[in-house]
Amino acid sequence: MSAPIDHNMSTYEKDILCEIEATVTTGFEPTASEEAVEKLNAEVTVSRGRIILKVPISKVKKVLELGCVDNCYVLMTKVSDFEFSEDELESMARLRELVKSVDWETGLRAWREVFTFKQPINFKPDIIPDVLGEPQLSSRIHKPKKGDNGGKKSKRQKMKERMEKKKEERKKFEESKISSDNNAVDKDSVTMVTGLEDIKNLDKTSQRLVNSKEVETVEKKLEDNLQDARTAEDAKPVSNTVSNTEPVFKKPKLTEYSPDKPAFRVTCHRTGLNHSFDSMGAQSNFGGAVYNYFKWNVSMKEFDIEVMLYIDGNDVRVGLALTRQSLHRRHTIAFGPTTLRPTIAYNMLRMCKIQPGRSFVIQCVGVVSFLYRQHYTGQKEHI
């Protein structure tokens, strides 16, 4: 699936600026911004939990070498005040149309600096479709979760339900105890009455037993006749005549696979309470529009391109992921009873502003010590 990166891109194309959004542990955004300016001389915008860098496409891969960031993706489109409608179908239709205005060219050029594919990927389809598919409701895509609010029950609600259940069980136990005491008082009279009824019904019971034996005999004969008929049918030679029964059709695939095109998936991250849709609905509708636009292969696990859809209130951002997993795993070589995330350790070291020749005490050993030796002394030791 991999192939050498296409180096035929001109110098001008490699110097085109692109926006890279990188996630950072909350609280360390200024430290990550300082590192990006120091190492890449980039224009940085700080937001909660992330930083946005403007860098040339040729420097995209160097962004992944920053020690403070966790995940990165190239930002292709950002729409403020998208103004989602209260009607879910209308919102999904507008979200599908957004696919046409996405800057796929810049995103795929930046993606190509990090990943490879055996065939060239077109920045836009040969024929742009007029319609990108009909919008779908979330209820048709997946079943809603149990509960009134579609979420998990709170601890207080669970405790209240347990208390009510215990009260009902205690009430049933008291009622059964009272009924058992009343039955003990009338035990003798009930025994006499039931005994007389059993004597009267003795003849009827015996007659039923005789009838049941006759029925069993008839059923056994019928089963023997059916078994003989099946044996005779199996002994007949198999004919080549076509059966009158209707053939069973397999469920057709919704998408076609093309080996010359990459596989993709859409991942949606949504925040906000005033949306008429959920994350799964937005993800499926946007992914369906991308498929109708490019006709790329669809794969939830073995994908080449991951399209990131961020919905924050009325703001929408679309990008391509440049990391398959969090970058904090790159320095984690050995695990002990506890492991400090390397990106957090790196941010802590930068905040301390340690200079060569100074002495310091490391309480959280392991990852911090390894990163210090690698970054400040150049030693390539392992934990």
Protein backbone atom coordinates (compact mmCIF):
# COMPACT_ATOMS: atom_id res chain seq x y z
CA MET A 1 0.00 0.00 0.00
CA SER A 2 2.93 2.32 0.55
CA ALA A 3 5.08 3.81 -2.18
CA PRO A 4 7.84 6.44 -2.40
CA ILE A 5 6.66 9.98 -1.80
CA ASP A 6 6.19 12.05 -4.94
CA HIS A 7 9.02 14.60 -4.95
CA ASN A 8 7.90 16.25 -8.20
CA MET A 9 6.21 19.02 -6.24
CA SER A 10 7.64 22.40 -7.12
CA THR A 11 9.39 24.63 -4.60
CA TYR A 12 6.51 27.10 -4.80
CA GLU A 13 3.98 24.39 -3.94
CA LYS A 14 6.04 23.26 -0.96
CA ASP A 15 6.17 26.83 0.36
CA ILE A 16 2.36 27.19 0.38
CA LEU A 17 1.24 27.87 3.93
CA CYS A 18 -1.13 25.48 5.64
CA GLU A 19 -2.72 25.45 9.09
CA ILE A 20 -1.85 22.58 11.42
CA GLU A 21 -3.97 22.13 14.52
CA ALA A 22 -2.20 20.23 17.31
CA THR A 23 -3.76 19.09 20.56
CA VAL A 24 -1.96 19.88 23.82
CA THR A 25 -2.61 18.87 27.40
CA THR A 26 -4.74 21.62 28.92
CA GLY A 27 -2.56 24.10 30.81
CA PHE A 28 0.54 23.62 28.65
CA GLU A 29 -0.63 25.63 25.62
CA PRO A 30 1.84 28.53 26.20
CA THR A 31 4.72 26.08 26.52
CA ALA A 32 3.77 24.31 23.28
CA SER A 33 3.42 27.66 21.51
CA GLU A 34 6.87 28.71 22.70
CA GLU A 35 8.42 25.49 21.35
CA ALA A 36 6.68 25.91 17.96
CA VAL A 37 7.99 29.47 17.59
CA GLU A 38 11.48 28.44 18.70
CA LYS A 39 11.88 25.41 16.41
CA LEU A 40 9.69 26.25 13.40
CA ASN A 41 9.48 30.05 13.53
CA ALA A 42 5.76 29.59 12.95
CA GLU A 43 2.83 31.89 13.53
CA VAL A 44 0.92 30.31 16.40
CA THR A 45 -2.60 30.84 17.71
CA VAL A 46 -3.38 29.48 21.17
CA SER A 47 -6.75 28.01 22.08
CA ARG A 48 -7.94 25.81 24.94
CA GLY A 49 -6.40 22.37 24.56
CA ARG A 50 -4.78 23.07 21.18
CA ILE A 51 -2.49 25.35 19.18
CA ILE A 52 -2.83 26.29 15.51
CA LEU A 53 0.38 26.73 13.49
CA LYS A 54 0.83 28.32 10.07
CA VAL A 55 3.76 26.57 8.40
CA PRO A 56 4.87 25.81 4.82
CA ILE A 57 3.82 22.40 3.51
CA SER A 58 7.49 21.40 3.39
CA LYS A 59 7.69 21.72 7.19
CA VAL A 60 4.60 19.67 7.99
CA LYS A 61 6.61 16.63 9.03
CA LYS A 62 8.69 18.74 11.44
CA VAL A 63 5.53 19.63 13.34
CA LEU A 64 5.29 15.96 14.35
CA GLU A 65 8.74 16.26 15.96
CA LEU A 66 7.53 18.78 18.55
CA GLY A 67 7.68 17.26 22.01
CA CYS A 68 4.71 19.13 23.49
CA VAL A 69 1.91 18.04 21.14
CA ASP A 70 -0.20 14.87 21.12
CA ASN A 71 -2.27 14.73 17.90
CA CYS A 72 -2.05 16.78 14.71
CA TYR A 73 -4.21 17.34 11.68
CA VAL A 74 -4.12 19.75 8.75
CA LEU A 75 -7.00 22.21 8.83
CA MET A 76 -8.77 22.50 5.46
CA THR A 77 -11.94 24.45 6.22
CA LYS A 78 -13.25 26.44 9.15
CA VAL A 79 -16.78 27.84 9.20
CA SER A 80 -17.93 30.11 12.03
CA ASP A 81 -21.63 30.56 12.84
CA PHE A 82 -22.73 27.60 10.75
CA GLU A 83 -26.19 28.08 12.31
CA PHE A 84 -27.51 24.55 12.48
CA SER A 85 -31.25 24.27 11.99
CA GLU A 86 -33.67 22.71 14.46
CA ASP A 87 -34.65 20.36 11.64
CA GLU A 88 -32.13 17.50 11.59
CA LEU A 89 -32.54 16.71 7.89
CA GLU A 90 -31.91 20.33 6.94
CA SER A 91 -28.76 20.46 9.09
CA MET A 92 -27.45 17.22 7.59
CA ALA A 93 -28.16 18.47 4.06
CA ARG A 94 -26.13 21.63 4.68
CA LEU A 95 -23.33 19.57 6.24
CA ARG A 96 -23.20 17.38 3.13
CA GLU A 97 -22.94 20.42 0.86
CA LEU A 98 -19.93 21.61 2.90
CA VAL A 99 -17.84 18.87 1.26
CA LYS A 100 -17.72 20.86 -2.00
CA SER A 101 -16.18 23.93 -0.35
CA VAL A 102 -13.43 22.05 1.54
CA ASP A 103 -9.87 22.89 0.48
CA TRP A 104 -8.95 19.29 -0.34
CA GLU A 105 -5.90 20.30 -2.38
CA THR A 106 -4.01 21.90 0.53
CA GLY A 107 -5.05 19.12 2.88
CA LEU A 108 -3.96 16.29 0.58
CA ARG A 109 -0.64 18.02 -0.21
CA ALA A 110 0.12 18.23 3.51
CA TRP A 111 -1.10 14.66 4.05
CA ARG A 112 1.27 13.46 1.29
CA GLU A 113 4.25 14.89 3.22
CA VAL A 114 3.56 12.38 6.02
CA PHE A 115 1.82 9.39 4.40
CA THR A 116 2.13 7.62 1.06
CA PHE A 117 -0.14 5.79 -1.35
CA LYS A 118 0.70 3.62 -4.36
CA GLN A 119 -1.35 5.73 -6.76
CA PRO A 120 -1.64 9.52 -7.10
CA ILE A 121 -4.70 10.94 -5.35
CA ASN A 122 -6.74 13.52 -7.22
CA PHE A 123 -7.46 16.75 -5.36
CA LYS A 124 -10.97 16.86 -6.85
CA PRO A 125 -13.11 14.47 -8.89
CA ASP A 126 -13.19 14.61 -12.68
CA ILE A 127 -16.91 15.33 -12.59
CA ILE A 128 -18.23 17.14 -9.53
CA PRO A 129 -21.64 15.66 -8.67
CA ASP A 130 -24.55 18.02 -8.29
CA VAL A 131 -26.10 16.05 -5.42
CA LEU A 132 -24.05 14.40 -2.66
CA GLY A 133 -26.74 12.03 -1.47
CA GLU A 134 -29.91 12.34 0.55
CA PRO A 135 -29.52 13.27 4.24
CA GLN A 136 -30.27 10.54 6.76
CA LEU A 137 -31.74 10.81 10.25
CA SER A 138 -29.67 9.61 13.21
CA SER A 139 -32.46 7.20 14.19
CA ARG A 140 -32.03 5.38 10.86
CA ILE A 141 -28.29 5.05 11.27
CA HIS A 142 -28.16 3.59 14.78
CA LYS A 143 -30.48 2.79 17.66
CA PRO A 144 -30.70 5.45 20.35
CA LYS A 145 -29.39 4.71 23.79
CA LYS A 146 -31.72 3.74 26.60
CA GLY A 147 -32.97 6.42 28.94
CA ASP A 148 -34.93 9.61 28.52
CA ASN A 149 -31.86 11.73 27.86
CA GLY A 150 -30.05 9.07 25.81
CA GLY A 151 -27.27 8.81 28.39
CA LYS A 152 -26.29 6.86 31.47
CA LYS A 153 -28.23 7.08 34.70
CA SER A 154 -26.78 9.13 37.51
CA LYS A 155 -25.68 7.57 40.80
CA ARG A 156 -28.51 9.28 42.65
CA GLN A 157 -31.07 7.87 40.23
CA LYS A 158 -29.63 4.37 40.53
CA MET A 159 -29.67 4.58 44.35
CA LYS A 160 -33.28 5.77 44.30
CA GLU A 161 -34.30 2.85 42.11
CA ARG A 162 -32.55 0.38 44.44
CA MET A 163 -34.36 1.81 47.48
CA GLU A 164 -37.74 1.57 45.76
CA LYS A 165 -37.02 -2.02 44.75
CA LYS A 166 -36.15 -2.95 48.35
CA LYS A 167 -39.39 -1.37 49.60
CA GLU A 168 -41.43 -3.39 47.11
CA GLU A 169 -39.67 -6.62 48.10
CA ARG A 170 -40.29 -5.92 51.82
CA LYS A 171 -43.96 -5.20 51.13
CA LYS A 172 -44.38 -8.43 49.16
CA PHE A 173 -42.70 -10.41 51.96
CA GLU A 174 -45.06 -8.98 54.59
CA GLU A 175 -48.12 -9.73 52.43
CA SER A 176 -46.97 -13.31 51.83
CA LYS A 177 -46.37 -13.78 55.56
CA ILE A 178 -49.92 -12.61 56.41
CA SER A 179 -51.45 -14.86 53.76
CA SER A 180 -49.47 -17.86 55.03
CA ASP A 181 -50.78 -17.29 58.59
CA ASN A 182 -54.37 -17.14 57.32
CA ASN A 183 -53.87 -20.35 55.37
CA ALA A 184 -52.59 -22.11 58.50
CA VAL A 185 -55.86 -21.32 60.37
CA ASP A 186 -58.09 -22.87 57.67
CA LYS A 187 -55.79 -25.80 56.97
CA ASP A 188 -58.05 -28.56 58.28
CA SER A 189 -61.20 -27.39 56.49
CA VAL A 190 -59.32 -26.89 53.23
CA THR A 191 -57.85 -30.40 53.48
CA MET A 192 -61.30 -31.96 53.94
CA VAL A 193 -62.77 -30.11 50.96
CA THR A 194 -59.88 -30.89 48.65
CA GLY A 195 -59.92 -34.52 49.71
CA LEU A 196 -63.59 -34.91 48.73
CA GLU A 197 -62.98 -33.21 45.39
CA ASP A 198 -60.04 -35.52 44.64
CA ILE A 199 -62.21 -38.60 45.28
CA LYS A 200 -64.93 -37.28 42.96
CA ASN A 201 -62.44 -36.53 40.20
CA LEU A 202 -60.62 -39.88 40.46
CA ASP A 203 -62.73 -41.56 37.78
CA LYS A 204 -62.34 -38.60 35.42
CA THR A 205 -58.57 -38.67 35.82
CA SER A 206 -58.31 -42.35 34.99
CA GLN A 207 -60.44 -41.84 31.87
CA ARG A 208 -58.10 -39.01 30.75
CA LEU A 209 -55.09 -41.26 31.15
CA VAL A 210 -56.65 -43.89 28.90
CA ASN A 211 -57.47 -41.29 26.26
CA SER A 212 -53.94 -39.86 26.39
CA LYS A 213 -52.45 -43.32 25.76
CA GLU A 214 -54.64 -43.74 22.68
CA VAL A 215 -53.52 -40.33 21.37
CA GLU A 216 -49.85 -41.24 21.88
CA THR A 217 -50.35 -44.47 19.90
CA VAL A 218 -51.91 -42.60 16.96
CA GLU A 219 -49.15 -39.96 16.96
CA LYS A 220 -46.47 -42.63 16.98
CA LYS A 221 -48.00 -44.28 13.90
CA LEU A 222 -48.11 -40.93 12.07
CA GLU A 223 -44.43 -40.28 12.86
CA ASP A 224 -43.46 -43.72 11.53
CA ASN A 225 -45.34 -43.08 8.28
CA LEU A 226 -43.64 -39.68 7.84
CA GLN A 227 -40.22 -41.22 8.47
CA ASP A 228 -40.83 -43.91 5.82
CA ALA A 229 -41.90 -41.26 3.32
CA ARG A 230 -38.74 -39.18 3.97
CA THR A 231 -36.52 -42.27 3.53
CA ALA A 232 -38.17 -43.08 0.20
CA GLU A 233 -37.73 -39.47 -0.98
CA ASP A 234 -34.02 -39.51 -0.09
CA ALA A 235 -33.52 -42.76 -1.99
CA LYS A 236 -34.70 -41.17 -5.28
CA PRO A 237 -31.98 -40.04 -7.74
CA VAL A 238 -31.22 -36.34 -7.75
CA SER A 239 -32.76 -34.62 -10.78
CA ASN A 240 -31.29 -31.65 -12.62
CA THR A 241 -34.57 -29.81 -12.70
CA VAL A 242 -34.63 -26.26 -11.38
CA SER A 243 -36.37 -25.84 -8.03
CA ASN A 244 -39.52 -23.75 -7.84
CA THR A 245 -38.32 -22.05 -4.66
CA GLU A 246 -37.11 -18.47 -4.98
CA PRO A 247 -33.31 -17.98 -4.73
CA VAL A 248 -31.91 -16.31 -1.65
CA PHE A 249 -30.18 -13.03 -2.59
CA LYS A 250 -27.23 -11.79 -0.58
CA LYS A 251 -27.32 -8.24 0.71
CA PRO A 252 -25.45 -6.09 -1.83
CA LYS A 253 -22.53 -3.98 -0.73
CA LEU A 254 -23.30 -0.31 -0.31
CA THR A 255 -19.95 0.81 -1.75
CA GLU A 256 -17.65 -0.58 -4.43
CA TYR A 257 -13.97 -1.29 -3.81
CA SER A 258 -11.36 0.18 -6.12
CA PRO A 259 -7.68 -0.76 -5.55
CA ASP A 260 -6.50 2.44 -7.23
CA LYS A 261 -8.24 4.66 -4.67
CA PRO A 262 -7.42 5.16 -0.99
CA ALA A 263 -9.65 4.02 1.86
CA PHE A 264 -11.03 6.63 4.23
CA ARG A 265 -13.19 7.14 7.25
CA VAL A 266 -14.72 10.17 8.97
CA THR A 267 -14.31 10.81 12.70
CA CYS A 268 -16.56 13.40 14.32
CA HIS A 269 -15.90 15.25 17.60
CA ARG A 270 -18.91 17.28 18.70
CA THR A 271 -19.46 19.60 21.67
CA GLY A 272 -22.64 21.48 22.43
CA LEU A 273 -26.16 20.73 23.68
CA ASN A 274 -28.35 22.58 21.17
CA HIS A 275 -27.85 20.26 18.19
CA SER A 276 -30.76 18.40 16.62
CA PHE A 277 -28.39 15.54 15.70
CA ASP A 278 -25.72 13.44 17.37
CA SER A 279 -22.08 12.74 16.49
CA MET A 280 -22.85 9.44 14.74
CA GLY A 281 -25.43 11.10 12.49
CA ALA A 282 -23.08 13.93 11.50
CA GLN A 283 -20.23 11.51 10.93
CA SER A 284 -22.30 9.19 8.71
CA ASN A 285 -23.86 11.98 6.64
CA PHE A 286 -20.56 13.78 6.07
CA GLY A 287 -18.83 10.49 5.26
CA GLY A 288 -21.55 9.61 2.75
CA ALA A 289 -21.07 12.98 1.04
CA VAL A 290 -17.28 12.46 0.86
CA TYR A 291 -17.84 9.06 -0.74
CA ASN A 292 -20.24 10.46 -3.33
CA TYR A 293 -17.74 13.25 -4.06
CA PHE A 294 -14.49 11.23 -4.43
CA LYS A 295 -15.72 7.60 -4.67
CA TRP A 296 -12.94 6.59 -2.28
CA ASN A 297 -13.09 3.22 -0.55
CA VAL A 298 -14.75 3.12 2.86
CA SER A 299 -13.04 1.35 5.76
CA MET A 300 -13.49 1.95 9.47
CA LYS A 301 -10.27 0.15 10.49
CA GLU A 302 -7.86 -0.28 7.57
CA PHE A 303 -8.01 3.27 6.25
CA ASP A 304 -5.43 5.47 4.54
CA ILE A 305 -7.07 8.85 5.07
CA GLU A 306 -8.92 9.92 8.21
CA VAL A 307 -11.16 12.94 7.73
CA MET A 308 -11.66 14.86 10.99
CA LEU A 309 -14.95 16.68 11.54
CA TYR A 310 -15.06 19.00 14.56
CA ILE A 311 -18.37 20.60 15.58
CA ASP A 312 -18.06 23.06 18.47
CA GLY A 313 -21.40 24.77 19.02
CA ASN A 314 -22.01 26.57 15.71
CA ASP A 315 -18.39 26.32 14.54
CA VAL A 316 -17.36 23.59 12.10
CA ARG A 317 -13.80 22.55 11.24
CA VAL A 318 -12.71 19.93 8.70
CA GLY A 319 -9.22 18.48 8.47
CA LEU A 320 -7.09 15.44 7.65
CA ALA A 321 -5.37 13.55 10.48
CA LEU A 322 -1.56 13.52 10.36
CA THR A 323 -1.19 11.09 13.28
CA ARG A 324 -2.61 7.58 13.58
CA GLN A 325 -2.12 7.52 17.34
CA SER A 326 -1.15 10.03 20.00
CA LEU A 327 2.46 11.24 19.78
CA HIS A 328 2.95 10.69 23.49
CA ARG A 329 3.56 7.00 22.66
CA ARG A 330 6.71 7.69 20.65
CA HIS A 331 8.96 7.96 23.75
CA THR A 332 7.21 5.36 25.92
CA ILE A 333 9.62 2.43 25.73
CA ALA A 334 8.98 0.56 28.99
CA PHE A 335 6.06 0.50 31.39
CA GLY A 336 6.36 0.28 35.16
CA PRO A 337 3.80 0.49 37.97
CA THR A 338 3.08 4.06 36.81
CA THR A 339 4.08 5.94 33.67
CA LEU A 340 3.99 9.68 33.21
CA ARG A 341 2.87 10.74 29.75
CA PRO A 342 6.01 11.85 27.87
CA THR A 343 4.38 14.97 26.43
CA ILE A 344 3.47 16.14 29.94
CA ALA A 345 7.00 15.41 31.12
CA TYR A 346 8.44 17.34 28.18
CA ASN A 347 6.23 20.35 28.93
CA MET A 348 7.31 20.24 32.58
CA LEU A 349 10.97 20.26 31.58
CA ARG A 350 10.49 23.25 29.27
CA MET A 351 8.67 25.14 32.02
CA CYS A 352 11.64 24.56 34.35
CA LYS A 353 13.97 26.07 31.71
CA ILE A 354 16.82 23.77 32.73
CA GLN A 355 20.22 24.79 31.37
CA PRO A 356 23.20 22.48 30.73
CA GLY A 357 25.44 22.12 33.80
CA ARG A 358 22.66 22.67 36.36
CA SER A 359 21.72 20.03 38.95
CA PHE A 360 18.13 19.06 39.61
CA VAL A 361 16.19 16.32 41.37
CA ILE A 362 13.77 14.15 39.40
CA GLN A 363 10.97 12.74 41.53
CA CYS A 364 9.02 11.23 38.63
CA VAL A 365 11.90 9.24 37.12
CA GLY A 366 11.77 7.23 33.94
CA VAL A 367 10.27 9.20 31.11
CA VAL A 368 11.43 12.59 32.40
CA SER A 369 15.02 11.39 32.82
CA PHE A 370 14.98 9.81 29.35
CA LEU A 371 13.65 12.95 27.67
CA TYR A 372 16.16 15.14 29.50
CA ARG A 373 19.12 13.04 28.36
CA GLN A 374 17.82 12.89 24.78
CA HIS A 375 16.94 16.56 24.41
CA TYR A 376 19.67 18.32 26.38
CA THR A 377 22.64 15.97 26.13
CA GLY A 378 21.95 14.16 22.86
CA GLN A 379 22.34 10.69 24.43
CA LYS A 380 20.17 7.96 22.88
CA GLU A 381 19.76 5.86 26.02
CA HIS A 382 16.63 3.85 26.75
CA ILE A 383 14.71 3.31 29.97
